[in-house]
Amino acid sequence: MGKIKDIWNGEDRSFVRFAVIVTAAFLILAGFILPNSLWRWAKSGAELRRQNQQIEALKADIARMDEQIRKLSDDRDSLERFARENYGFAAPDEDVYVLK
């Protein structure tokens, strides 16, 4: 700590203080103020990770729905059961009661 104190109060103290102020100003500008700052870079990275997770979740949903479509298109009985359960479809001679 003594060397730092000697440099700070030494012969070239005006240059050292100027260098410290300029460095601090640059770090503040680069870190927070400029359009391409580190803060915005970190926020963009977090947003990108969140969107990638959402993409993966949607891909999983699409795969699940494709499997359901395949099952419904292959088997008439499962299609009929699906239509009855989800949309209240019925045969012409049936009565349908919907409970909510």
N, C-alpha and C. Protein backbone atom coordinates (compact mmCIF):
# COMPACT_ATOMS: atom_id res chain seq x y z
N MET A 1 0.83 -1.19 0.00
CA MET A 1 0.00 0.00 0.00
C MET A 1 0.87 1.25 0.00
N GLY A 2 2.07 1.14 0.51
CA GLY A 2 2.97 2.28 0.57
C GLY A 2 3.40 2.74 -0.81
N LYS A 3 3.61 1.81 -1.75
CA LYS A 3 4.01 2.18 -3.10
C LYS A 3 2.90 2.96 -3.80
N ILE A 4 1.68 2.54 -3.60
CA ILE A 4 0.56 3.24 -4.22
C ILE A 4 0.47 4.65 -3.67
N LYS A 5 0.66 4.79 -2.37
CA LYS A 5 0.62 6.11 -1.74
C LYS A 5 1.76 6.99 -2.26
N ASP A 6 2.94 6.39 -2.44
CA ASP A 6 4.08 7.15 -2.98
C ASP A 6 3.81 7.60 -4.41
N ILE A 7 3.21 6.74 -5.22
CA ILE A 7 2.90 7.10 -6.60
C ILE A 7 1.84 8.18 -6.63
N TRP A 8 0.81 8.02 -5.80
CA TRP A 8 -0.30 8.99 -5.77
C TRP A 8 0.18 10.38 -5.34
N ASN A 9 1.10 10.45 -4.39
CA ASN A 9 1.57 11.73 -3.88
C ASN A 9 2.96 12.10 -4.40
N GLY A 10 3.49 11.36 -5.37
CA GLY A 10 4.85 11.58 -5.86
C GLY A 10 4.95 12.73 -6.84
N GLU A 11 6.09 12.75 -7.54
CA GLU A 11 6.40 13.82 -8.48
C GLU A 11 5.37 13.93 -9.60
N ASP A 12 4.97 12.82 -10.14
CA ASP A 12 4.06 12.81 -11.28
C ASP A 12 2.61 12.64 -10.83
N ARG A 13 2.24 13.20 -9.71
CA ARG A 13 0.90 12.98 -9.16
C ARG A 13 -0.19 13.52 -10.08
N SER A 14 0.06 14.61 -10.79
CA SER A 14 -0.98 15.13 -11.68
C SER A 14 -1.26 14.15 -12.82
N PHE A 15 -0.22 13.54 -13.39
CA PHE A 15 -0.42 12.56 -14.45
C PHE A 15 -1.11 11.31 -13.92
N VAL A 16 -0.71 10.84 -12.75
CA VAL A 16 -1.30 9.64 -12.16
C VAL A 16 -2.78 9.87 -11.87
N ARG A 17 -3.10 11.02 -11.31
CA ARG A 17 -4.50 11.32 -11.00
C ARG A 17 -5.31 11.45 -12.29
N PHE A 18 -4.73 12.09 -13.31
CA PHE A 18 -5.39 12.21 -14.61
C PHE A 18 -5.65 10.81 -15.20
N ALA A 19 -4.65 9.94 -15.12
CA ALA A 19 -4.79 8.58 -15.66
C ALA A 19 -5.88 7.81 -14.92
N VAL A 20 -5.94 7.96 -13.61
CA VAL A 20 -6.97 7.26 -12.82
C VAL A 20 -8.35 7.78 -13.19
N ILE A 21 -8.50 9.09 -13.33
CA ILE A 21 -9.80 9.67 -13.68
C ILE A 21 -10.24 9.24 -15.08
N VAL A 22 -9.31 9.27 -16.04
CA VAL A 22 -9.63 8.87 -17.40
C VAL A 22 -9.99 7.38 -17.45
N THR A 23 -9.25 6.56 -16.73
CA THR A 23 -9.55 5.13 -16.69
C THR A 23 -10.92 4.86 -16.08
N ALA A 24 -11.22 5.56 -14.98
CA ALA A 24 -12.53 5.38 -14.33
C ALA A 24 -13.65 5.83 -15.26
N ALA A 25 -13.45 6.95 -15.94
CA ALA A 25 -14.48 7.43 -16.87
C ALA A 25 -14.68 6.43 -18.01
N PHE A 26 -13.60 5.88 -18.53
CA PHE A 26 -13.71 4.88 -19.60
C PHE A 26 -14.46 3.64 -19.12
N LEU A 27 -14.15 3.17 -17.92
CA LEU A 27 -14.82 1.98 -17.39
C LEU A 27 -16.32 2.23 -17.20
N ILE A 28 -16.67 3.41 -16.73
CA ILE A 28 -18.09 3.74 -16.55
C ILE A 28 -18.78 3.81 -17.91
N LEU A 29 -18.13 4.48 -18.88
CA LEU A 29 -18.71 4.56 -20.22
C LEU A 29 -18.87 3.17 -20.84
N ALA A 30 -17.82 2.39 -20.82
CA ALA A 30 -17.85 1.07 -21.45
C ALA A 30 -18.79 0.12 -20.71
N GLY A 31 -18.92 0.31 -19.42
CA GLY A 31 -19.74 -0.61 -18.64
C GLY A 31 -21.22 -0.31 -18.65
N PHE A 32 -21.59 0.99 -18.73
CA PHE A 32 -23.00 1.31 -18.52
C PHE A 32 -23.62 2.29 -19.51
N ILE A 33 -22.87 3.21 -20.06
CA ILE A 33 -23.47 4.33 -20.79
C ILE A 33 -23.52 4.12 -22.30
N LEU A 34 -22.48 3.65 -22.91
CA LEU A 34 -22.42 3.51 -24.36
C LEU A 34 -23.46 2.53 -24.88
N PRO A 35 -23.86 2.68 -26.15
CA PRO A 35 -24.88 1.76 -26.70
C PRO A 35 -24.46 0.29 -26.67
N ASN A 36 -23.19 -0.01 -26.81
CA ASN A 36 -22.71 -1.39 -26.77
C ASN A 36 -22.02 -1.67 -25.44
N SER A 37 -22.64 -1.26 -24.36
CA SER A 37 -22.01 -1.41 -23.05
C SER A 37 -22.04 -2.85 -22.56
N LEU A 38 -21.24 -3.13 -21.59
CA LEU A 38 -21.20 -4.48 -21.00
C LEU A 38 -22.53 -4.84 -20.35
N TRP A 39 -23.19 -3.86 -19.76
CA TRP A 39 -24.49 -4.09 -19.12
C TRP A 39 -25.52 -4.55 -20.15
N ARG A 40 -25.61 -3.85 -21.26
CA ARG A 40 -26.56 -4.23 -22.31
C ARG A 40 -26.18 -5.55 -22.94
N TRP A 41 -24.89 -5.81 -23.05
CA TRP A 41 -24.42 -7.08 -23.59
C TRP A 41 -24.87 -8.23 -22.70
N ALA A 42 -24.75 -8.05 -21.38
CA ALA A 42 -25.18 -9.10 -20.44
C ALA A 42 -26.69 -9.30 -20.50
N LYS A 43 -27.45 -8.19 -20.59
CA LYS A 43 -28.91 -8.31 -20.68
C LYS A 43 -29.32 -9.02 -21.97
N SER A 44 -28.64 -8.72 -23.06
CA SER A 44 -28.96 -9.37 -24.33
C SER A 44 -28.64 -10.86 -24.27
N GLY A 45 -27.55 -11.22 -23.61
CA GLY A 45 -27.21 -12.63 -23.45
C GLY A 45 -28.25 -13.38 -22.65
N ALA A 46 -28.75 -12.75 -21.59
CA ALA A 46 -29.79 -13.38 -20.77
C ALA A 46 -31.08 -13.54 -21.58
N GLU A 47 -31.43 -12.53 -22.35
CA GLU A 47 -32.62 -12.60 -23.20
C GLU A 47 -32.49 -13.70 -24.25
N LEU A 48 -31.31 -13.81 -24.82
CA LEU A 48 -31.06 -14.85 -25.82
C LEU A 48 -31.19 -16.24 -25.21
N ARG A 49 -30.65 -16.44 -24.01
CA ARG A 49 -30.79 -17.74 -23.34
C ARG A 49 -32.26 -18.04 -23.05
N ARG A 50 -33.02 -17.02 -22.61
CA ARG A 50 -34.44 -17.23 -22.32
C ARG A 50 -35.20 -17.61 -23.59
N GLN A 51 -34.89 -16.94 -24.69
CA GLN A 51 -35.57 -17.25 -25.94
C GLN A 51 -35.19 -18.63 -26.46
N ASN A 52 -33.95 -19.05 -26.28
CA ASN A 52 -33.55 -20.40 -26.69
C ASN A 52 -34.28 -21.46 -25.88
N GLN A 53 -34.48 -21.20 -24.59
CA GLN A 53 -35.23 -22.14 -23.76
C GLN A 53 -36.68 -22.21 -24.24
N GLN A 54 -37.24 -21.06 -24.61
CA GLN A 54 -38.61 -21.03 -25.11
C GLN A 54 -38.71 -21.79 -26.43
N ILE A 55 -37.71 -21.64 -27.29
CA ILE A 55 -37.69 -22.36 -28.56
C ILE A 55 -37.67 -23.86 -28.32
N GLU A 56 -36.85 -24.31 -27.38
CA GLU A 56 -36.78 -25.74 -27.08
C GLU A 56 -38.11 -26.25 -26.53
N ALA A 57 -38.76 -25.46 -25.67
CA ALA A 57 -40.06 -25.87 -25.13
C ALA A 57 -41.09 -25.96 -26.24
N LEU A 58 -41.08 -25.01 -27.17
CA LEU A 58 -42.03 -25.04 -28.27
C LEU A 58 -41.75 -26.21 -29.22
N LYS A 59 -40.48 -26.54 -29.42
CA LYS A 59 -40.15 -27.69 -30.25
C LYS A 59 -40.68 -28.97 -29.61
N ALA A 60 -40.57 -29.06 -28.29
CA ALA A 60 -41.10 -30.24 -27.59
C ALA A 60 -42.62 -30.30 -27.74
N ASP A 61 -43.30 -29.15 -27.65
CA ASP A 61 -44.75 -29.13 -27.84
C ASP A 61 -45.12 -29.55 -29.25
N ILE A 62 -44.37 -29.08 -30.23
CA ILE A 62 -44.64 -29.45 -31.62
C ILE A 62 -44.46 -30.95 -31.82
N ALA A 63 -43.42 -31.51 -31.24
CA ALA A 63 -43.19 -32.95 -31.36
C ALA A 63 -44.34 -33.74 -30.72
N ARG A 64 -44.79 -33.26 -29.55
CA ARG A 64 -45.91 -33.92 -28.88
C ARG A 64 -47.18 -33.83 -29.72
N MET A 65 -47.44 -32.67 -30.30
CA MET A 65 -48.63 -32.51 -31.14
C MET A 65 -48.54 -33.32 -32.43
N ASP A 66 -47.35 -33.41 -33.02
CA ASP A 66 -47.17 -34.24 -34.21
C ASP A 66 -47.46 -35.70 -33.90
N GLU A 67 -47.02 -36.15 -32.73
CA GLU A 67 -47.30 -37.53 -32.33
C GLU A 67 -48.80 -37.74 -32.14
N GLN A 68 -49.45 -36.74 -31.54
CA GLN A 68 -50.89 -36.85 -31.34
C GLN A 68 -51.62 -36.85 -32.70
N ILE A 69 -51.18 -36.02 -33.63
CA ILE A 69 -51.78 -36.00 -34.97
C ILE A 69 -51.59 -37.34 -35.66
N ARG A 70 -50.39 -37.91 -35.53
CA ARG A 70 -50.13 -39.21 -36.14
C ARG A 70 -51.05 -40.27 -35.57
N LYS A 71 -51.22 -40.28 -34.25
CA LYS A 71 -52.10 -41.27 -33.62
C LYS A 71 -53.54 -41.07 -34.07
N LEU A 72 -53.99 -39.82 -34.13
CA LEU A 72 -55.38 -39.55 -34.50
C LEU A 72 -55.65 -39.87 -35.96
N SER A 73 -54.66 -39.69 -36.82
CA SER A 73 -54.89 -39.96 -38.24
C SER A 73 -54.79 -41.46 -38.55
N ASP A 74 -54.11 -42.22 -37.70
CA ASP A 74 -53.97 -43.66 -37.94
C ASP A 74 -55.17 -44.46 -37.45
N ASP A 75 -55.78 -44.06 -36.38
CA ASP A 75 -56.81 -44.87 -35.73
C ASP A 75 -58.12 -44.08 -35.67
N ARG A 76 -59.15 -44.60 -36.30
CA ARG A 76 -60.44 -43.91 -36.33
C ARG A 76 -61.08 -43.86 -34.94
N ASP A 77 -60.91 -44.91 -34.16
CA ASP A 77 -61.50 -44.94 -32.82
C ASP A 77 -60.89 -43.87 -31.92
N SER A 78 -59.58 -43.70 -32.00
CA SER A 78 -58.95 -42.68 -31.16
C SER A 78 -59.35 -41.27 -31.62
N LEU A 79 -59.54 -41.09 -32.92
CA LEU A 79 -60.00 -39.80 -33.43
C LEU A 79 -61.41 -39.50 -32.94
N GLU A 80 -62.26 -40.50 -32.97
CA GLU A 80 -63.64 -40.32 -32.50
C GLU A 80 -63.66 -40.02 -31.00
N ARG A 81 -62.86 -40.74 -30.23
CA ARG A 81 -62.79 -40.49 -28.78
C ARG A 81 -62.27 -39.08 -28.50
N PHE A 82 -61.26 -38.66 -29.23
CA PHE A 82 -60.69 -37.32 -29.06
C PHE A 82 -61.75 -36.25 -29.37
N ALA A 83 -62.49 -36.43 -30.47
CA ALA A 83 -63.52 -35.46 -30.84
C ALA A 83 -64.63 -35.42 -29.81
N ARG A 84 -65.00 -36.56 -29.27
CA ARG A 84 -66.05 -36.60 -28.25
C ARG A 84 -65.60 -35.92 -26.96
N GLU A 85 -64.38 -36.22 -26.51
CA GLU A 85 -63.90 -35.68 -25.24
C GLU A 85 -63.61 -34.19 -25.30
N ASN A 86 -63.02 -33.73 -26.40
CA ASN A 86 -62.57 -32.35 -26.45
C ASN A 86 -63.57 -31.39 -27.09
N TYR A 87 -64.39 -31.87 -27.98
CA TYR A 87 -65.27 -30.97 -28.73
C TYR A 87 -66.75 -31.30 -28.59
N GLY A 88 -67.09 -32.32 -27.83
CA GLY A 88 -68.49 -32.65 -27.60
C GLY A 88 -69.20 -33.22 -28.82
N PHE A 89 -68.45 -33.82 -29.73
CA PHE A 89 -69.06 -34.42 -30.92
C PHE A 89 -69.87 -35.64 -30.50
N ALA A 90 -70.89 -35.93 -31.28
CA ALA A 90 -71.73 -37.10 -31.00
C ALA A 90 -72.28 -37.64 -32.31
N ALA A 91 -72.68 -38.88 -32.24
CA ALA A 91 -73.35 -39.50 -33.39
C ALA A 91 -74.75 -38.90 -33.49
N PRO A 92 -75.37 -38.98 -34.65
CA PRO A 92 -76.70 -38.36 -34.83
C PRO A 92 -77.77 -38.87 -33.86
N ASP A 93 -77.69 -40.10 -33.39
CA ASP A 93 -78.73 -40.64 -32.51
C ASP A 93 -78.36 -40.56 -31.03
N GLU A 94 -77.32 -39.81 -30.67
CA GLU A 94 -76.87 -39.74 -29.28
C GLU A 94 -77.22 -38.38 -28.67
N ASP A 95 -77.41 -38.41 -27.36
CA ASP A 95 -77.58 -37.17 -26.60
C ASP A 95 -76.24 -36.85 -25.93
N VAL A 96 -75.86 -35.58 -25.93
CA VAL A 96 -74.59 -35.17 -25.35
C VAL A 96 -74.87 -34.25 -24.18
N TYR A 97 -74.26 -34.54 -23.04
CA TYR A 97 -74.35 -33.69 -21.86
C TYR A 97 -72.95 -33.17 -21.55
N VAL A 98 -72.79 -31.86 -21.52
CA VAL A 98 -71.50 -31.26 -21.26
C VAL A 98 -71.51 -30.72 -19.84
N LEU A 99 -70.60 -31.21 -19.04
CA LEU A 99 -70.48 -30.75 -17.65
C LEU A 99 -69.20 -29.93 -17.51
N LYS A 100 -69.33 -28.78 -16.89
CA LYS A 100 -68.14 -27.94 -16.69
C LYS A 100 -67.90 -27.68 -15.24
